[in-house]
Amino acid sequence: MRLGSLSCNFGQDHVQEGKMHFSKLEDSPMFRQQIQCLEESAETIREKSLKFYKGCRKYTEGLGEEYDKDIAFASAIETFGGGHNDPICVALGGPDMMKLAIALREIGMYKEVLRSEVECMLNDRLLHFVNVDLQDVKEARKHFDKANVIYDQAREKFLS
């Protein structure tokens, strides 16, 4: 990865440690500006991800409610037109109503599967991304600031 004069060395051993080491690190106003820009980008991504997460939550809640309504309606149809031996139910279209009830139950099942997949594939991953991955950006900044203070102290000690 290359950002201006900044190059990151992502060796296998560094990735396993969970840290990234820079092969060449020059502290300069431009470097600090790049850090600030990256932090702002991370914050923008965080805000957008949280909005997307909230939208996904509303969608999954809506799918759950729709599933319940589909099943309730299918049950009502089965109750009304479910008697195959009842001539009145047959005359009112009971067998056709049963097909509709079966279709509604299948649609409800697919909505429940969709809700489950959105929950697992989007909601959980977005929340992890916001709470863990983007938090690492803040931790990296804290680590940089701490290392910078130590470096400044060592430089002052060396120069005096």
Foldseek 3Di string as FASTA:
>chain_A
DDDPPWDWDDDPVCVVVVHIDTPDDDDDPVVVVVLVVVLVVLVVVLVVLVVVLVVLVVLLVVLVVLLVVLLVVLVVLCVQQVDPPDPVSVVVPSVVSNVVSVVSNVVSVVSNVVSVCSCVVRNVVSVCCNPPVSVVSVVVVVVVVVVVVVVVVVVVVVVD
